[in-house]
C-alpha cells in the first residue's frame, strides 16, 4: 500500500508554510526575516526556498509593499528621516530597489517640514532651560530620528527665530 506512505517532502513543505503563515498572522514581514525564521526552525533550505517562492508568487509575501508601508508609517507617526528609514529597511533584509521605491514617497520638503515640527515641539518642551541645553537636546532628538547635521542646525535656527 504505497499510497499510505506519507510524502515527507510534502509534510516538510506544509510544516514550513504553517510556520510562515503563523508569523504573518501577527504582522507583515519581509522575505529575509521569514527565511531567517525558517532557518532558526531548522527547516531544510530547499524547502524554505520553495515555500517562500510560492508565497511570494501568490502575493502573500511582498517586500516592495512591506517597505513602502514601513516607510510611510515611520515617517508619518514618528517623523523619522529617510536616512534612518533606509537603514532600518536594509537591516530587515530588503533590497536597494525596494528601499529606493519606498523612500520616493517622502520628499525633501516633507522631511524638512517634519524636522521643523520636531524641533518646535522639543524647543517648546524645554523652554525653561538655558538656550544651549535646549539646542543640544533638540539636536539630539533630530539626530536620533536620522536627520543630517545640516538639516538639524537649519531647522533649530528657524524654530528659535520663530520664538
C-alpha atoms as a PDB file:
ATOM      1  CA  UNK A   1       0.000   0.000   0.000  1.00  0.00           C
ATOM      2  CA  UNK A   2       2.424   2.712  -1.186  1.00  0.00           C
ATOM      3  CA  UNK A   3      -0.330   5.348  -1.225  1.00  0.00           C
ATOM      4  CA  UNK A   4      -0.448   5.223   2.588  1.00  0.00           C
ATOM      5  CA  UNK A   5       3.228   6.147   2.983  1.00  0.00           C
ATOM      6  CA  UNK A   6       3.310   9.832   3.826  1.00  0.00           C
ATOM      7  CA  UNK A   7       5.219  12.105   1.460  1.00  0.00           C
ATOM      8  CA  UNK A   8       7.888  13.556   3.753  1.00  0.00           C
ATOM      9  CA  UNK A   9       8.672  16.397   1.341  1.00  0.00           C
ATOM     10  CA  UNK A  10       5.029  17.460   1.213  1.00  0.00           C
ATOM     11  CA  UNK A  11       4.865  17.303   5.003  1.00  0.00           C
ATOM     12  CA  UNK A  12       8.000  19.410   5.328  1.00  0.00           C
ATOM     13  CA  UNK A  13       6.606  21.974   2.889  1.00  0.00           C
ATOM     14  CA  UNK A  14       3.300  22.119   4.762  1.00  0.00           C
ATOM     15  CA  UNK A  15       5.054  22.495   8.138  1.00  0.00           C
ATOM     16  CA  UNK A  16       7.235  25.319   6.806  1.00  0.00           C
ATOM     17  CA  UNK A  17       4.228  27.001   5.219  1.00  0.00           C
ATOM     18  CA  UNK A  18       2.401  26.888   8.561  1.00  0.00           C
ATOM     19  CA  UNK A  19       5.389  28.459  10.339  1.00  0.00           C
ATOM     20  CA  UNK A  20       5.443  31.333   7.843  1.00  0.00           C
ATOM     21  CA  UNK A  21       1.689  31.883   7.845  1.00  0.00           C
ATOM     22  CA  UNK A  22       1.539  31.893  11.664  1.00  0.00           C
ATOM     23  CA  UNK A  23       4.255  34.552  11.670  1.00  0.00           C
ATOM     24  CA  UNK A  24       2.446  36.606   9.024  1.00  0.00           C
ATOM     25  CA  UNK A  25      -0.778  36.425  11.046  1.00  0.00           C
ATOM     26  CA  UNK A  26       0.896  38.640  13.663  1.00  0.00           C
ATOM     27  CA  UNK A  27       2.211  41.238  11.198  1.00  0.00           C
ATOM     28  CA  UNK A  28       3.718  41.637   7.764  1.00  0.00           C
ATOM     29  CA  UNK A  29       7.356  40.658   7.366  1.00  0.00           C
ATOM     30  CA  UNK A  30       9.950  40.805   4.596  1.00  0.00           C
ATOM     31  CA  UNK A  31      11.111  37.638   2.884  1.00  0.00           C
ATOM     32  CA  UNK A  32      14.540  37.836   4.541  1.00  0.00           C
ATOM     33  CA  UNK A  33      13.002  37.778   8.023  1.00  0.00           C
ATOM     34  CA  UNK A  34      10.834  34.812   7.105  1.00  0.00           C
ATOM     35  CA  UNK A  35      13.829  32.969   5.666  1.00  0.00           C
ATOM     36  CA  UNK A  36      15.710  33.628   8.900  1.00  0.00           C
ATOM     37  CA  UNK A  37      12.761  32.308  10.909  1.00  0.00           C
ATOM     38  CA  UNK A  38      12.690  29.094   8.880  1.00  0.00           C
ATOM     39  CA  UNK A  39      16.444  28.729   9.313  1.00  0.00           C
ATOM     40  CA  UNK A  40      16.090  29.076  13.100  1.00  0.00           C
ATOM     41  CA  UNK A  41      13.382  26.405  12.998  1.00  0.00           C
ATOM     42  CA  UNK A  42      15.906  24.195  11.159  1.00  0.00           C
ATOM     43  CA  UNK A  43      13.793  23.873   8.020  1.00  0.00           C
ATOM     44  CA  UNK A  44      15.655  22.392   5.044  1.00  0.00           C
ATOM     45  CA  UNK A  45      16.896  25.365   2.931  1.00  0.00           C
ATOM     46  CA  UNK A  46      15.392  23.879  -0.260  1.00  0.00           C
ATOM     47  CA  UNK A  47      12.004  23.527   1.415  1.00  0.00           C
ATOM     48  CA  UNK A  48      12.250  27.062   2.807  1.00  0.00           C
ATOM     49  CA  UNK A  49      13.043  28.498  -0.616  1.00  0.00           C
ATOM     50  CA  UNK A  50      10.175  26.555  -2.195  1.00  0.00           C
ATOM     51  CA  UNK A  51       7.673  27.775   0.397  1.00  0.00           C
ATOM     52  CA  UNK A  52       8.840  31.390   0.231  1.00  0.00           C
ATOM     53  CA  UNK A  53       8.822  31.356  -3.590  1.00  0.00           C
ATOM     54  CA  UNK A  54       5.255  30.014  -3.647  1.00  0.00           C
ATOM     55  CA  UNK A  55       4.017  32.556  -1.097  1.00  0.00           C
ATOM     56  CA  UNK A  56       5.756  35.365  -2.953  1.00  0.00           C
ATOM     57  CA  UNK A  57       4.220  34.257  -6.268  1.00  0.00           C
ATOM     58  CA  UNK A  58       0.801  34.213  -4.576  1.00  0.00           C
ATOM     59  CA  UNK A  59       1.338  37.767  -3.293  1.00  0.00           C
ATOM     60  CA  UNK A  60       1.354  36.759   0.370  1.00  0.00           C
ATOM     61  CA  UNK A  61       4.955  37.971   0.695  1.00  0.00           C
ATOM     62  CA  UNK A  62       5.559  41.346  -0.971  1.00  0.00           C
ATOM     63  CA  UNK A  63       8.789  43.093   0.008  1.00  0.00           C
ATOM     64  CA  UNK A  64       8.014  46.198  -2.088  1.00  0.00           C
ATOM     65  CA  UNK A  65       4.660  46.761  -0.374  1.00  0.00           C
ATOM     66  CA  UNK A  66       6.184  45.994   3.030  1.00  0.00           C
ATOM     67  CA  UNK A  67       8.960  48.558   2.515  1.00  0.00           C
ATOM     68  CA  UNK A  68       6.518  51.222   1.321  1.00  0.00           C
ATOM     69  CA  UNK A  69       4.191  50.649   4.281  1.00  0.00           C
ATOM     70  CA  UNK A  70       7.017  50.726   6.824  1.00  0.00           C
ATOM     71  CA  UNK A  71       8.443  53.936   5.331  1.00  0.00           C
ATOM     72  CA  UNK A  72       5.059  55.667   5.384  1.00  0.00           C
ATOM     73  CA  UNK A  73       4.395  54.582   8.956  1.00  0.00           C
ATOM     74  CA  UNK A  74       7.801  55.541  10.351  1.00  0.00           C
ATOM     75  CA  UNK A  75       7.666  58.938   8.689  1.00  0.00           C
ATOM     76  CA  UNK A  76       4.036  59.778   9.464  1.00  0.00           C
ATOM     77  CA  UNK A  77       3.921  58.517  13.029  1.00  0.00           C
ATOM     78  CA  UNK A  78       7.435  59.199  14.270  1.00  0.00           C
ATOM     79  CA  UNK A  79       8.882  61.807  11.914  1.00  0.00           C
ATOM     80  CA  UNK A  80      11.795  59.502  11.108  1.00  0.00           C
ATOM     81  CA  UNK A  81      14.123  60.767   8.372  1.00  0.00           C
ATOM     82  CA  UNK A  82      14.617  58.925   5.084  1.00  0.00           C
ATOM     83  CA  UNK A  83      18.185  58.022   6.024  1.00  0.00           C
ATOM     84  CA  UNK A  84      17.086  56.219   9.204  1.00  0.00           C
ATOM     85  CA  UNK A  85      14.200  54.530   7.401  1.00  0.00           C
ATOM     86  CA  UNK A  86      16.610  53.278   4.720  1.00  0.00           C
ATOM     87  CA  UNK A  87      18.911  51.841   7.391  1.00  0.00           C
ATOM     88  CA  UNK A  88      16.008  50.054   9.066  1.00  0.00           C
ATOM     89  CA  UNK A  89      14.792  48.588   5.772  1.00  0.00           C
ATOM     90  CA  UNK A  90      18.286  47.345   4.940  1.00  0.00           C
ATOM     91  CA  UNK A  91      18.627  45.765   8.410  1.00  0.00           C
ATOM     92  CA  UNK A  92      15.393  43.926   7.724  1.00  0.00           C
ATOM     93  CA  UNK A  93      16.960  42.431   4.597  1.00  0.00           C
ATOM     94  CA  UNK A  94      15.215  44.467   1.925  1.00  0.00           C
ATOM     95  CA  UNK A  95      16.975  45.129  -1.359  1.00  0.00           C
ATOM     96  CA  UNK A  96      18.120  48.508  -2.621  1.00  0.00           C
ATOM     97  CA  UNK A  97      15.350  48.659  -5.235  1.00  0.00           C
ATOM     98  CA  UNK A  98      12.660  48.200  -2.567  1.00  0.00           C
ATOM     99  CA  UNK A  99      14.368  50.727  -0.286  1.00  0.00           C
ATOM    100  CA  UNK A 100      14.619  53.330  -3.067  1.00  0.00           C
ATOM    101  CA  UNK A 101      10.984  52.867  -4.105  1.00  0.00           C
ATOM    102  CA  UNK A 102       9.808  53.151  -0.513  1.00  0.00           C
ATOM    103  CA  UNK A 103      11.710  56.391   0.034  1.00  0.00           C
ATOM    104  CA  UNK A 104      10.370  58.001  -3.147  1.00  0.00           C
ATOM    105  CA  UNK A 105       7.100  58.707  -1.349  1.00  0.00           C
ATOM    106  CA  UNK A 106       8.855  61.053   1.112  1.00  0.00           C
ATOM    107  CA  UNK A 107      10.013  64.337  -0.450  1.00  0.00           C
ATOM    108  CA  UNK A 108      12.741  66.621   0.860  1.00  0.00           C
ATOM    109  CA  UNK A 109      10.076  69.205   1.621  1.00  0.00           C
ATOM    110  CA  UNK A 110       8.087  66.669   3.642  1.00  0.00           C
ATOM    111  CA  UNK A 111      11.216  65.756   5.552  1.00  0.00           C
ATOM    112  CA  UNK A 112      12.079  69.412   6.260  1.00  0.00           C
ATOM    113  CA  UNK A 113       8.539  70.054   7.492  1.00  0.00           C
ATOM    114  CA  UNK A 114       8.688  67.050   9.812  1.00  0.00           C
ATOM    115  CA  UNK A 115      12.118  68.080  11.156  1.00  0.00           C
ATOM    116  CA  UNK A 116      10.866  71.607  11.847  1.00  0.00           C
ATOM    117  CA  UNK A 117       7.802  70.240  13.675  1.00  0.00           C
ATOM    118  CA  UNK A 118      10.023  68.021  15.840  1.00  0.00           C
ATOM    119  CA  UNK A 119      12.336  70.938  16.598  1.00  0.00           C
ATOM    120  CA  UNK A 120       9.425  73.186  17.553  1.00  0.00           C
ATOM    121  CA  UNK A 121       7.995  70.516  19.824  1.00  0.00           C
ATOM    122  CA  UNK A 122      11.277  69.857  21.645  1.00  0.00           C
ATOM    123  CA  UNK A 123      12.118  73.546  21.984  1.00  0.00           C
ATOM    124  CA  UNK A 124       8.659  74.218  23.365  1.00  0.00           C
ATOM    125  CA  UNK A 125       9.020  71.425  25.922  1.00  0.00           C
ATOM    126  CA  UNK A 126      12.412  72.732  27.072  1.00  0.00           C
ATOM    127  CA  UNK A 127      11.530  76.446  27.197  1.00  0.00           C
ATOM    128  CA  UNK A 128      12.511  76.701  30.858  1.00  0.00           C
ATOM    129  CA  UNK A 129      16.110  75.583  30.205  1.00  0.00           C
ATOM    130  CA  UNK A 130      19.108  77.612  29.042  1.00  0.00           C
ATOM    131  CA  UNK A 131      19.360  78.170  25.268  1.00  0.00           C
ATOM    132  CA  UNK A 132      22.401  75.892  24.803  1.00  0.00           C
ATOM    133  CA  UNK A 133      20.752  72.972  26.624  1.00  0.00           C
ATOM    134  CA  UNK A 134      17.600  73.395  24.538  1.00  0.00           C
ATOM    135  CA  UNK A 135      19.618  73.443  21.321  1.00  0.00           C
ATOM    136  CA  UNK A 136      21.658  70.396  22.318  1.00  0.00           C
ATOM    137  CA  UNK A 137      18.601  68.344  23.324  1.00  0.00           C
ATOM    138  CA  UNK A 138      16.733  69.313  20.170  1.00  0.00           C
ATOM    139  CA  UNK A 139      19.733  68.368  18.044  1.00  0.00           C
ATOM    140  CA  UNK A 140      19.910  65.020  19.836  1.00  0.00           C
ATOM    141  CA  UNK A 141      16.241  64.275  19.109  1.00  0.00           C
ATOM    142  CA  UNK A 142      16.669  65.113  15.434  1.00  0.00           C
ATOM    143  CA  UNK A 143      19.889  63.117  15.224  1.00  0.00           C
ATOM    144  CA  UNK A 144      18.189  60.029  16.675  1.00  0.00           C
ATOM    145  CA  UNK A 145      15.464  60.420  14.060  1.00  0.00           C
ATOM    146  CA  UNK A 146      18.121  60.309  11.335  1.00  0.00           C
ATOM    147  CA  UNK A 147      18.281  63.940  10.259  1.00  0.00           C
ATOM    148  CA  UNK A 148      21.594  65.256   8.994  1.00  0.00           C
ATOM    149  CA  UNK A 149      23.561  67.852  10.913  1.00  0.00           C
ATOM    150  CA  UNK A 150      22.824  70.394   8.199  1.00  0.00           C
ATOM    151  CA  UNK A 151      19.048  69.902   8.394  1.00  0.00           C
ATOM    152  CA  UNK A 152      19.181  69.803  12.195  1.00  0.00           C
ATOM    153  CA  UNK A 153      21.029  73.114  12.551  1.00  0.00           C
ATOM    154  CA  UNK A 154      18.839  74.807   9.926  1.00  0.00           C
ATOM    155  CA  UNK A 155      15.510  73.806  11.498  1.00  0.00           C
ATOM    156  CA  UNK A 156      16.689  74.610  15.022  1.00  0.00           C
ATOM    157  CA  UNK A 157      17.699  78.096  13.878  1.00  0.00           C
ATOM    158  CA  UNK A 158      14.355  78.512  12.124  1.00  0.00           C
ATOM    159  CA  UNK A 159      12.360  77.273  15.124  1.00  0.00           C
ATOM    160  CA  UNK A 160      14.313  79.504  17.531  1.00  0.00           C
ATOM    161  CA  UNK A 161      13.785  82.507  15.253  1.00  0.00           C
ATOM    162  CA  UNK A 162      10.030  81.899  15.448  1.00  0.00           C
ATOM    163  CA  UNK A 163      10.021  82.102  19.244  1.00  0.00           C
END
